[in-house]
Structure formats: C-alpha cells, structure tokens
Amino acid sequence: MSYIDYLEDKAFKSVEEIISQFIVKIGDQKIKIRITKDAHGYFHFVTSHYYQGSEQEGPFISSIANFPSEIEAITGARRQIVSFYEPEDKNAVWIENESF
C-alpha cells in the first residue's frame, strides 16, 4: 500500500516514493539504480553514474522520464547504462550523477 497521498501538500513541489533500488557492476564500476513512483502513478529511474565513451562528446543521459510500469523504468535504466558501453574503450569514463 502506498502512502504517497498523505504527503500531498501545496508546499511540496513533487513527491516520489522509492519503489526499488539496485546495484549493478559493469566492468570495474558499481552503479546504483533507484526506481521511484510519483503521485500521478508514473515510474522514474535515476542512476548514480553516466557512461561517456572516448568518442562521445558527453555522457548518455536518457530523455525518457515517465514510465507506466516499474519493469519499463528498470529497462530504461539498463538501456541508459549499457547503450553505448564499450568494454574495450580504455579512455571511457563513468561520470558521477551529483543528483543521485
């Protein structure tokens, strides 16, 4: 049972409930994934790090924000982490998400 409605208040800009959290390891990097659900019933993900390959101008950060299910949010997080990952790219970096 979700109690998110009890936090409804005009002073809060937004309220999200943490649904699940995961830690994955890719190469030598540990990445945390947090899945939340907002007051409108949409699921969101955030990752602790973003991957930037040496040929990329910046890290890949997914622009998809609202998911209808927890599974789709988890899939979105996985896609963000591995879409451009190249294990042989020795100059790639993992950039910490300061908002995690």
N, C-alpha and C. Protein backbone atom coordinates (compact mmCIF):
# COMPACT_ATOMS: atom_id res chain seq x y z
N MET A 1 0.84 -1.18 0.00
CA MET A 1 0.00 0.00 0.00
C MET A 1 0.88 1.24 0.00
N SER A 2 0.58 2.18 -0.86
CA SER A 2 1.34 3.42 -0.96
C SER A 2 0.70 4.50 -0.08
N TYR A 3 1.54 5.23 0.60
CA TYR A 3 1.07 6.32 1.45
C TYR A 3 1.43 7.68 0.86
N ILE A 4 1.74 7.70 -0.42
CA ILE A 4 2.19 8.93 -1.07
C ILE A 4 1.14 10.04 -0.98
N ASP A 5 -0.14 9.68 -0.98
CA ASP A 5 -1.21 10.69 -0.90
C ASP A 5 -1.18 11.46 0.42
N TYR A 6 -0.66 10.86 1.48
CA TYR A 6 -0.60 11.53 2.77
C TYR A 6 0.43 12.66 2.79
N LEU A 7 1.31 12.65 1.80
CA LEU A 7 2.32 13.71 1.70
C LEU A 7 1.89 14.84 0.78
N GLU A 8 0.70 14.76 0.29
CA GLU A 8 0.21 15.81 -0.61
C GLU A 8 0.11 17.13 0.16
N ASP A 9 0.81 18.13 -0.33
CA ASP A 9 0.81 19.44 0.30
C ASP A 9 1.26 20.45 -0.73
N LYS A 10 0.64 21.62 -0.75
CA LYS A 10 0.99 22.64 -1.75
C LYS A 10 2.42 23.14 -1.58
N ALA A 11 3.03 22.92 -0.42
CA ALA A 11 4.41 23.34 -0.20
C ALA A 11 5.41 22.44 -0.92
N PHE A 12 5.01 21.19 -1.21
CA PHE A 12 5.91 20.26 -1.88
C PHE A 12 5.80 20.43 -3.39
N LYS A 13 6.93 20.63 -4.02
CA LYS A 13 6.96 20.74 -5.49
C LYS A 13 6.63 19.39 -6.13
N SER A 14 7.16 18.31 -5.54
CA SER A 14 6.86 16.96 -6.01
C SER A 14 7.11 15.98 -4.88
N VAL A 15 6.48 14.82 -5.01
CA VAL A 15 6.66 13.75 -4.05
C VAL A 15 6.83 12.46 -4.84
N GLU A 16 7.85 11.69 -4.51
CA GLU A 16 8.07 10.40 -5.15
C GLU A 16 8.34 9.35 -4.08
N GLU A 17 7.83 8.17 -4.30
CA GLU A 17 8.04 7.04 -3.41
C GLU A 17 9.13 6.15 -3.99
N ILE A 18 10.11 5.78 -3.18
CA ILE A 18 11.14 4.85 -3.64
C ILE A 18 10.53 3.46 -3.70
N ILE A 19 10.53 2.88 -4.89
CA ILE A 19 9.92 1.58 -5.12
C ILE A 19 10.97 0.47 -4.99
N SER A 20 12.13 0.68 -5.60
CA SER A 20 13.18 -0.33 -5.54
C SER A 20 14.53 0.32 -5.79
N GLN A 21 15.58 -0.37 -5.34
CA GLN A 21 16.94 0.08 -5.57
C GLN A 21 17.79 -1.13 -5.92
N PHE A 22 18.77 -0.89 -6.78
CA PHE A 22 19.65 -1.96 -7.23
C PHE A 22 21.07 -1.44 -7.30
N ILE A 23 22.01 -2.36 -7.25
CA ILE A 23 23.42 -2.05 -7.51
C ILE A 23 23.87 -3.04 -8.58
N VAL A 24 24.39 -2.50 -9.68
CA VAL A 24 24.94 -3.34 -10.75
C VAL A 24 26.42 -3.03 -10.87
N LYS A 25 27.16 -3.99 -11.36
CA LYS A 25 28.58 -3.77 -11.61
C LYS A 25 28.83 -4.03 -13.09
N ILE A 26 29.42 -3.05 -13.74
CA ILE A 26 29.76 -3.18 -15.15
C ILE A 26 31.23 -2.82 -15.27
N GLY A 27 32.02 -3.77 -15.73
CA GLY A 27 33.47 -3.59 -15.69
C GLY A 27 33.88 -3.49 -14.23
N ASP A 28 34.62 -2.43 -13.89
CA ASP A 28 35.02 -2.20 -12.50
C ASP A 28 34.12 -1.20 -11.79
N GLN A 29 33.09 -0.72 -12.47
CA GLN A 29 32.25 0.34 -11.93
C GLN A 29 30.97 -0.20 -11.29
N LYS A 30 30.71 0.20 -10.06
CA LYS A 30 29.42 -0.09 -9.42
C LYS A 30 28.49 1.08 -9.69
N ILE A 31 27.27 0.76 -10.08
CA ILE A 31 26.27 1.78 -10.39
C ILE A 31 25.01 1.47 -9.60
N LYS A 32 24.50 2.48 -8.93
CA LYS A 32 23.25 2.34 -8.19
C LYS A 32 22.10 2.81 -9.07
N ILE A 33 20.99 2.11 -8.97
CA ILE A 33 19.78 2.45 -9.71
C ILE A 33 18.66 2.61 -8.70
N ARG A 34 17.92 3.70 -8.80
CA ARG A 34 16.77 3.93 -7.92
C ARG A 34 15.52 4.09 -8.79
N ILE A 35 14.49 3.34 -8.46
CA ILE A 35 13.20 3.43 -9.16
C ILE A 35 12.22 4.09 -8.21
N THR A 36 11.55 5.14 -8.69
CA THR A 36 10.56 5.84 -7.87
C THR A 36 9.23 5.90 -8.61
N LYS A 37 8.19 6.20 -7.85
CA LYS A 37 6.85 6.37 -8.41
C LYS A 37 6.31 7.70 -7.90
N ASP A 38 5.79 8.51 -8.83
CA ASP A 38 5.28 9.81 -8.43
C ASP A 38 3.79 9.75 -8.06
N ALA A 39 3.25 10.86 -7.62
CA ALA A 39 1.86 10.93 -7.17
C ALA A 39 0.86 10.70 -8.30
N HIS A 40 1.32 10.78 -9.55
CA HIS A 40 0.45 10.55 -10.71
C HIS A 40 0.50 9.10 -11.18
N GLY A 41 1.32 8.27 -10.51
CA GLY A 41 1.39 6.86 -10.85
C GLY A 41 2.47 6.51 -11.86
N TYR A 42 3.30 7.47 -12.26
CA TYR A 42 4.38 7.19 -13.21
C TYR A 42 5.65 6.77 -12.48
N PHE A 43 6.40 5.89 -13.12
CA PHE A 43 7.65 5.40 -12.57
C PHE A 43 8.81 6.13 -13.23
N HIS A 44 9.89 6.32 -12.46
CA HIS A 44 11.07 7.03 -12.92
C HIS A 44 12.31 6.26 -12.47
N PHE A 45 13.42 6.50 -13.15
CA PHE A 45 14.69 5.91 -12.69
C PHE A 45 15.74 7.00 -12.62
N VAL A 46 16.71 6.75 -11.78
CA VAL A 46 17.90 7.59 -11.72
C VAL A 46 19.07 6.65 -11.48
N THR A 47 20.20 6.95 -12.11
CA THR A 47 21.41 6.14 -11.92
C THR A 47 22.48 6.99 -11.26
N SER A 48 23.35 6.33 -10.53
CA SER A 48 24.40 7.04 -9.81
C SER A 48 25.53 7.53 -10.71
N HIS A 49 25.63 6.94 -11.92
CA HIS A 49 26.70 7.29 -12.85
C HIS A 49 26.19 7.26 -14.28
N TYR A 50 26.86 8.02 -15.14
CA TYR A 50 26.59 8.04 -16.57
C TYR A 50 27.86 7.63 -17.31
N TYR A 51 27.69 6.88 -18.38
CA TYR A 51 28.83 6.42 -19.17
C TYR A 51 29.14 7.42 -20.28
N GLN A 52 30.43 7.71 -20.44
CA GLN A 52 30.89 8.55 -21.55
C GLN A 52 32.06 7.87 -22.22
N GLY A 53 31.81 7.35 -23.43
CA GLY A 53 32.88 6.75 -24.21
C GLY A 53 33.82 7.81 -24.74
N SER A 54 35.02 7.40 -25.12
CA SER A 54 36.03 8.37 -25.57
C SER A 54 35.65 9.07 -26.87
N GLU A 55 34.73 8.48 -27.63
CA GLU A 55 34.28 9.10 -28.88
C GLU A 55 33.02 9.94 -28.70
N GLN A 56 32.46 9.96 -27.50
CA GLN A 56 31.24 10.73 -27.23
C GLN A 56 31.60 12.12 -26.71
N GLU A 57 30.81 13.12 -27.11
CA GLU A 57 31.05 14.48 -26.63
C GLU A 57 30.61 14.64 -25.18
N GLY A 58 29.66 13.84 -24.77
CA GLY A 58 29.16 13.91 -23.40
C GLY A 58 28.57 12.57 -23.02
N PRO A 59 28.20 12.42 -21.75
CA PRO A 59 27.62 11.14 -21.30
C PRO A 59 26.22 10.96 -21.87
N PHE A 60 25.80 9.71 -22.00
CA PHE A 60 24.44 9.41 -22.45
C PHE A 60 23.50 9.48 -21.25
N ILE A 61 22.55 10.41 -21.32
CA ILE A 61 21.53 10.56 -20.30
C ILE A 61 20.18 10.47 -21.01
N SER A 62 19.42 9.46 -20.68
CA SER A 62 18.14 9.22 -21.33
C SER A 62 17.20 10.40 -21.12
N SER A 63 16.45 10.74 -22.14
CA SER A 63 15.48 11.83 -22.03
C SER A 63 14.07 11.32 -21.71
N ILE A 64 13.90 10.01 -21.68
CA ILE A 64 12.59 9.44 -21.35
C ILE A 64 12.42 9.53 -19.84
N ALA A 65 11.32 10.14 -19.40
CA ALA A 65 11.17 10.42 -17.97
C ALA A 65 10.07 9.63 -17.29
N ASN A 66 8.95 9.41 -17.94
CA ASN A 66 7.80 8.77 -17.32
C ASN A 66 7.56 7.38 -17.91
N PHE A 67 7.43 6.40 -17.03
CA PHE A 67 7.19 5.03 -17.47
C PHE A 67 5.91 4.52 -16.82
N PRO A 68 5.11 3.74 -17.54
CA PRO A 68 3.85 3.24 -16.98
C PRO A 68 4.02 2.09 -16.00
N SER A 69 5.22 1.48 -15.93
CA SER A 69 5.42 0.35 -15.01
C SER A 69 6.84 0.36 -14.46
N GLU A 70 7.01 -0.32 -13.35
CA GLU A 70 8.33 -0.44 -12.74
C GLU A 70 9.29 -1.18 -13.67
N ILE A 71 8.81 -2.23 -14.33
CA ILE A 71 9.65 -3.00 -15.25
C ILE A 71 10.17 -2.12 -16.38
N GLU A 72 9.32 -1.26 -16.91
CA GLU A 72 9.76 -0.38 -18.00
C GLU A 72 10.79 0.64 -17.50
N ALA A 73 10.65 1.12 -16.27
CA ALA A 73 11.64 2.04 -15.70
C ALA A 73 12.98 1.33 -15.51
N ILE A 74 12.93 0.09 -15.02
CA ILE A 74 14.16 -0.69 -14.84
C ILE A 74 14.84 -0.92 -16.20
N THR A 75 14.04 -1.24 -17.21
CA THR A 75 14.57 -1.44 -18.57
C THR A 75 15.20 -0.15 -19.09
N GLY A 76 14.57 0.99 -18.80
CA GLY A 76 15.12 2.28 -19.21
C GLY A 76 16.47 2.55 -18.54
N ALA A 77 16.58 2.20 -17.27
CA ALA A 77 17.86 2.37 -16.56
C ALA A 77 18.94 1.50 -17.17
N ARG A 78 18.59 0.24 -17.46
CA ARG A 78 19.56 -0.67 -18.08
C ARG A 78 20.03 -0.11 -19.42
N ARG A 79 19.09 0.37 -20.21
CA ARG A 79 19.41 0.92 -21.53
C ARG A 79 20.36 2.12 -21.39
N GLN A 80 20.09 2.98 -20.40
CA GLN A 80 20.96 4.15 -20.21
C GLN A 80 22.38 3.72 -19.86
N ILE A 81 22.50 2.69 -19.05
CA ILE A 81 23.83 2.24 -18.60
C ILE A 81 24.61 1.54 -19.72
N VAL A 82 23.96 0.69 -20.50
CA VAL A 82 24.71 -0.15 -21.45
C VAL A 82 24.61 0.24 -22.92
N SER A 83 23.77 1.21 -23.26
CA SER A 83 23.57 1.52 -24.69
C SER A 83 24.85 1.83 -25.45
N PHE A 84 25.74 2.58 -24.85
CA PHE A 84 26.97 2.97 -25.54
C PHE A 84 28.21 2.38 -24.90
N TYR A 85 28.02 1.49 -23.92
CA TYR A 85 29.15 0.91 -23.20
C TYR A 85 30.00 0.06 -24.13
N GLU A 86 31.30 0.33 -24.12
CA GLU A 86 32.28 -0.43 -24.89
C GLU A 86 33.37 -0.89 -23.94
N PRO A 87 33.40 -2.17 -23.57
CA PRO A 87 34.38 -2.64 -22.60
C PRO A 87 35.84 -2.43 -23.03
N GLU A 88 36.10 -2.35 -24.33
CA GLU A 88 37.48 -2.18 -24.81
C GLU A 88 37.93 -0.72 -24.84
N ASP A 89 37.02 0.21 -24.60
CA ASP A 89 37.34 1.63 -24.64
C ASP A 89 38.06 2.02 -23.34
N LYS A 90 39.37 2.05 -23.38
CA LYS A 90 40.17 2.32 -22.17
C LYS A 90 40.13 3.77 -21.74
N ASN A 91 39.66 4.67 -22.60
CA ASN A 91 39.59 6.09 -22.27
C ASN A 91 38.19 6.54 -21.88
N ALA A 92 37.27 5.61 -21.81
CA ALA A 92 35.91 5.93 -21.38
C ALA A 92 35.92 6.24 -19.88
N VAL A 93 34.92 7.01 -19.46
CA VAL A 93 34.81 7.37 -18.04
C VAL A 93 33.37 7.20 -17.57
N TRP A 94 33.22 6.99 -16.29
CA TRP A 94 31.91 6.99 -15.64
C TRP A 94 31.82 8.29 -14.87
N ILE A 95 30.81 9.08 -15.20
CA ILE A 95 30.63 10.39 -14.57
C ILE A 95 29.58 10.25 -13.47
N GLU A 96 29.94 10.69 -12.28
CA GLU A 96 29.03 10.59 -11.14
C GLU A 96 27.84 11.54 -11.31
N ASN A 97 26.67 11.03 -11.04
CA ASN A 97 25.45 11.84 -11.07
C ASN A 97 25.33 12.53 -9.72
N GLU A 98 25.58 13.82 -9.70
CA GLU A 98 25.56 14.59 -8.45
C GLU A 98 24.16 14.67 -7.84
N SER A 99 23.14 14.38 -8.63
CA SER A 99 21.75 14.44 -8.16
C SER A 99 21.23 13.12 -7.61
N PHE A 100 22.08 12.09 -7.60
CA PHE A 100 21.60 10.78 -7.15
C PHE A 100 21.35 10.81 -5.66
